[in-house]
Protein backbone atom coordinates (compact mmCIF):
# COMPACT_ATOMS: atom_id res chain seq x y z
CA UNK A 1 172.76 -19.37 49.90
CA UNK A 2 172.59 -22.50 52.16
CA UNK A 3 168.86 -22.78 51.89
CA UNK A 4 169.12 -23.25 48.16
CA UNK A 5 171.38 -26.33 48.41
CA UNK A 6 169.79 -29.27 46.59
CA UNK A 7 167.00 -27.22 45.08
CA UNK A 8 166.34 -26.91 41.43
CA UNK A 9 167.24 -23.94 39.04
CA UNK A 10 166.68 -23.35 35.28
CA UNK A 11 169.08 -21.06 33.70
CA UNK A 12 168.21 -20.25 30.08
CA UNK A 13 171.00 -19.28 27.56
CA UNK A 14 173.39 -21.27 29.62
CA UNK A 15 176.05 -22.27 27.10
CA UNK A 16 178.35 -19.13 27.19
CA UNK A 17 178.89 -15.81 28.55
CA UNK A 18 176.48 -14.55 31.47
CA UNK A 19 174.58 -17.68 31.38
CA UNK A 20 177.47 -19.94 31.84
CA UNK A 21 178.89 -17.80 34.62
CA UNK A 22 175.59 -18.02 36.44
CA UNK A 23 175.46 -21.79 36.17
CA UNK A 24 179.00 -22.21 37.46
CA UNK A 25 178.15 -20.02 40.65
CA UNK A 26 174.87 -21.90 41.33
CA UNK A 27 176.37 -25.41 40.89
CA UNK A 28 179.20 -24.38 43.17
CA UNK A 29 176.64 -23.32 45.78
CA UNK A 30 175.01 -26.75 45.66
CA UNK A 31 172.00 -26.18 43.37
CA UNK A 32 170.78 -28.65 40.89
CA UNK A 33 170.87 -26.63 37.73
CA UNK A 34 169.22 -27.26 34.29
CA UNK A 35 171.18 -25.41 31.61
CA UNK A 36 168.96 -24.78 28.68
CA UNK A 37 170.55 -23.73 25.28
CA UNK A 38 170.62 -24.33 21.61
CA UNK A 39 174.24 -25.38 21.93
CA UNK A 40 173.74 -28.05 24.65
CA UNK A 41 176.97 -29.60 23.86
CA UNK A 42 178.79 -26.55 25.52
CA UNK A 43 176.58 -26.87 28.49
CA UNK A 44 177.68 -30.61 28.67
CA UNK A 45 181.25 -29.48 28.58
CA UNK A 46 180.60 -27.10 31.44
CA UNK A 47 178.95 -30.09 33.43
CA UNK A 48 182.16 -32.10 33.03
CA UNK A 49 184.14 -29.08 34.29
CA UNK A 50 182.00 -28.78 37.27
CA UNK A 51 182.02 -32.42 38.23
CA UNK A 52 182.85 -32.73 41.85
CA UNK A 53 181.11 -29.47 42.63
CA UNK A 54 178.42 -29.54 45.46
CA UNK A 55 175.69 -29.28 42.95
CA UNK A 56 174.88 -30.75 39.55
CA UNK A 57 174.32 -29.48 36.02
CA UNK A 58 171.91 -31.13 33.54
CA UNK A 59 172.17 -30.03 29.86
CA UNK A 60 169.00 -29.56 27.80
CA UNK A 61 168.91 -28.53 24.21
CA UNK A 62 166.23 -26.05 23.26
CA UNK A 63 165.46 -22.94 21.26
CA UNK A 64 163.74 -20.30 23.36
CA UNK A 65 161.97 -18.81 20.37
CA UNK A 66 160.00 -22.06 19.94
CA UNK A 67 157.40 -22.57 22.55
CA UNK A 68 157.37 -26.41 22.10
CA UNK A 69 160.99 -26.53 23.10
CA UNK A 70 160.28 -24.60 26.22
CA UNK A 71 157.36 -26.77 27.27
CA UNK A 72 159.48 -29.80 26.52
CA UNK A 73 162.04 -28.52 28.89
CA UNK A 74 159.59 -27.96 31.76
CA UNK A 75 158.08 -31.35 31.16
CA UNK A 76 161.66 -32.80 31.37
CA UNK A 77 162.19 -30.95 34.74
CA UNK A 78 158.89 -32.11 36.03
CA UNK A 79 159.42 -35.77 35.28
CA UNK A 80 163.09 -36.01 36.17
CA UNK A 81 163.49 -33.48 38.91
CA UNK A 82 160.08 -32.98 40.37
CA UNK A 83 160.21 -29.25 40.89
CA UNK A 84 161.62 -25.93 40.08
CA UNK A 85 162.62 -23.32 42.76
CA UNK A 86 164.63 -20.86 40.72
CA UNK A 87 164.24 -19.51 37.23
CA UNK A 88 166.98 -17.32 35.65
CA UNK A 89 165.75 -15.86 32.33
CA UNK A 90 169.07 -15.09 30.83
CA UNK A 91 168.62 -16.14 27.09
CA UNK A 92 168.65 -12.98 24.92
CA UNK A 93 169.83 -11.68 21.51
CA UNK A 94 171.17 -8.45 20.41
CA UNK A 95 170.93 -7.24 16.66
CA UNK A 96 171.79 -3.75 15.69
CA UNK A 97 168.94 -2.84 13.36
CA UNK A 98 167.66 0.56 12.22
CA UNK A 99 163.88 1.23 12.32
CA UNK A 100 164.07 2.94 8.89
CA UNK A 101 165.66 0.07 7.27
CA UNK A 102 166.16 -3.03 9.56
CA UNK A 103 165.20 -6.61 8.71
CA UNK A 104 161.83 -7.80 9.98
CA UNK A 105 163.34 -11.27 10.71
CA UNK A 106 165.88 -9.64 13.21
CA UNK A 107 162.98 -7.67 14.92
CA UNK A 108 161.01 -10.81 15.32
CA UNK A 109 164.02 -12.78 16.67
CA UNK A 110 164.72 -10.06 19.27
CA UNK A 111 161.13 -9.99 20.54
CA UNK A 112 160.47 -13.77 20.24
CA UNK A 113 163.43 -14.43 22.38
CA UNK A 114 163.76 -11.59 24.72
CA UNK A 115 160.19 -11.04 25.53
CA UNK A 116 158.02 -13.99 24.44
CA UNK A 117 160.42 -16.73 25.37
CA UNK A 118 161.04 -15.00 28.76
CA UNK A 119 157.40 -14.71 29.30
CA UNK A 120 156.70 -18.36 28.51
CA UNK A 121 159.32 -19.68 30.74
CA UNK A 122 158.12 -17.47 33.56
CA UNK A 123 154.56 -18.64 33.19
CA UNK A 124 155.58 -22.33 33.09
CA UNK A 125 158.05 -21.77 36.02
CA UNK A 126 155.22 -20.25 38.10
CA UNK A 127 152.74 -23.03 37.19
CA UNK A 128 155.25 -25.71 38.21
CA UNK A 129 156.04 -23.89 41.51
CA UNK A 130 152.39 -23.53 42.47
CA UNK A 131 151.69 -27.29 41.52
CA UNK A 132 154.57 -28.34 43.71
CA UNK A 133 153.88 -26.07 46.67
CA UNK A 134 157.03 -23.91 46.25
CA UNK A 135 156.02 -20.59 47.65
CA UNK A 136 159.53 -19.17 48.32
CA UNK A 137 160.96 -19.51 44.68
CA UNK A 138 162.72 -16.76 42.95
CA UNK A 139 162.42 -15.54 39.23
CA UNK A 140 165.25 -13.48 38.09
CA UNK A 141 165.27 -11.61 34.72
CA UNK A 142 168.64 -10.66 33.18
CA UNK A 143 167.56 -7.32 31.84
CA UNK A 144 169.81 -4.36 30.73
CA UNK A 145 170.48 -0.76 31.32
CA UNK A 146 168.96 -0.37 27.76
CA UNK A 147 165.67 -1.40 29.48
CA UNK A 148 165.69 1.75 31.48
CA UNK A 149 166.71 4.42 29.14
CA UNK A 150 167.54 4.77 25.39
CA UNK A 151 171.20 4.28 24.91
CA UNK A 152 172.83 6.54 22.23
CA UNK A 153 174.02 3.78 19.92
CA UNK A 154 173.01 3.31 16.24
CA UNK A 155 170.61 0.40 15.71
CA UNK A 156 169.94 -0.25 19.44
CA UNK A 157 166.28 0.75 19.40
CA UNK A 158 164.56 -2.68 18.79
CA UNK A 159 166.85 -4.31 21.42
CA UNK A 160 166.09 -1.43 23.92
CA UNK A 161 162.38 -1.65 23.26
CA UNK A 162 162.66 -5.42 24.08
CA UNK A 163 164.29 -4.74 27.34
CA UNK A 164 162.01 -2.07 28.29
CA UNK A 165 159.32 -4.67 27.86
CA UNK A 166 161.20 -6.97 30.37
CA UNK A 167 161.27 -4.04 32.86
CA UNK A 168 157.40 -3.65 32.68
CA UNK A 169 156.92 -7.53 32.61
CA UNK A 170 158.99 -7.70 35.84
CA UNK A 171 157.04 -5.22 37.78
CA UNK A 172 153.75 -6.61 36.30
CA UNK A 173 154.72 -10.18 37.50
CA UNK A 174 155.54 -8.77 40.89
CA UNK A 175 152.10 -7.14 41.25
CA UNK A 176 150.40 -10.37 40.09
CA UNK A 177 152.15 -12.44 42.61
CA UNK A 178 151.32 -9.96 45.36
CA UNK A 179 147.69 -10.19 44.26
CA UNK A 180 147.79 -13.91 44.48
CA UNK A 181 149.22 -13.84 47.87
CA UNK A 182 152.39 -15.52 46.68
CA UNK A 183 155.83 -15.35 48.44
CA UNK A 184 157.72 -15.99 45.20
CA UNK A 185 160.24 -13.21 44.65
CA UNK A 186 161.02 -11.38 41.33
CA UNK A 187 164.22 -9.51 40.48
CA UNK A 188 165.54 -7.65 37.40
CA UNK A 189 169.23 -7.45 36.99
CA UNK A 190 170.31 -4.85 34.55
CA UNK A 191 174.00 -4.78 33.50
CA UNK A 192 175.72 -2.16 31.32
CA UNK A 193 178.26 -3.49 28.82
CA UNK A 194 179.49 -6.94 29.59
CA UNK A 195 182.58 -8.57 27.90
CA UNK A 196 180.71 -11.42 26.13
CA UNK A 197 180.57 -12.92 22.65
CA UNK A 198 177.22 -11.12 22.10
CA UNK A 199 178.79 -7.73 22.70
CA UNK A 200 181.76 -8.43 20.49
CA UNK A 201 179.63 -9.74 17.61
CA UNK A 202 177.66 -6.45 17.41
CA UNK A 203 180.70 -4.18 17.74
CA UNK A 204 182.65 -6.18 15.26
CA UNK A 205 185.73 -5.71 17.34
CA UNK A 206 186.54 -9.22 18.19
CA UNK A 207 188.65 -9.28 21.44
CA UNK A 208 188.00 -5.93 22.87
CA UNK A 209 191.25 -4.06 23.61
CA UNK A 210 191.82 -3.71 27.31
CA UNK A 211 191.11 -0.23 28.62
CA UNK A 212 189.43 1.06 25.40
CA UNK A 213 186.15 1.42 27.30
CA UNK A 214 185.09 -0.08 30.52
CA UNK A 215 183.19 -3.40 30.58
CA UNK A 216 181.71 -5.75 33.17
CA UNK A 217 182.75 -9.42 33.31
CA UNK A 218 180.16 -12.25 33.12
CA UNK A 219 181.12 -13.27 36.62
CA UNK A 220 179.94 -9.78 37.93
CA UNK A 221 176.42 -10.51 36.92
CA UNK A 222 176.67 -14.11 38.22
CA UNK A 223 177.71 -12.62 41.59
CA UNK A 224 174.66 -10.39 41.54
CA UNK A 225 172.41 -13.41 40.98
CA UNK A 226 173.90 -15.13 44.03
CA UNK A 227 173.50 -11.92 45.98
CA UNK A 228 169.84 -11.66 45.36
CA UNK A 229 169.21 -15.30 45.99
CA UNK A 230 171.22 -15.07 49.34
CA UNK A 231 169.01 -12.21 50.78
CA UNK A 232 166.62 -13.29 53.50
CA UNK A 233 163.11 -14.77 52.22
CA UNK A 234 161.40 -11.54 53.49
CA UNK A 235 163.51 -9.30 51.31
CA UNK A 236 162.53 -8.41 47.84
CA UNK A 237 165.29 -6.97 45.61
CA UNK A 238 163.26 -5.23 42.82
CA UNK A 239 166.07 -4.06 40.60
CA UNK A 240 169.90 -4.17 40.41
CA UNK A 241 171.61 -1.85 37.84
CA UNK A 242 175.29 -2.73 37.47
CA UNK A 243 177.62 -0.42 35.50
CA UNK A 244 181.39 -0.73 35.05
CA UNK A 245 183.47 1.86 36.78
CA UNK A 246 184.67 4.59 34.51
């Protein structure tokens, strides 16, 4: 991770859960991190918590379903930090919604955030990397096991479809970068169930009883991010699938 010290990373959905855990690890490893989230005040609190760490955290407010917010964030990064080296597309939403009776608004939110927002961030990150001569950057998509098979869970189909799209977008981006002769790396990290507010909100369980069923911790995903970043520049980790033991 030493080669990333002092370099710039953008983490979307940085206020809680997996995003906040990733931010902590990157700042502790010396990166200058921009945490983009709708609840920027939570990122500000995280920044205060990390005061004195080797890196630094900047909080930016933005809604990843709005292209103008994404473009404004990249404009801020360009003007204030001058470059971007790492993008972690973490922001996502999970609504349980049946195809036979679901709400159109929920379907739109799932795809606007999980697919379109991710794609816009990826495009803008690549453009800025290219402009600033960053050819050893890394783009990481926080995907899901639901992006590789259809999980047997009522109402999961729209979310799973969005994550299947992320799987295809990851491989498609990798092929485009190869055709361009770029050394920018692309990785998909696909967790199983993670003990986060998002999972609790859809299960309706609130705090999940210990031992009821196995879950990963947000820190497990953050550790996977630092692992892929820490591999040598000639190594491309295509996909990591992480499931809890049990």
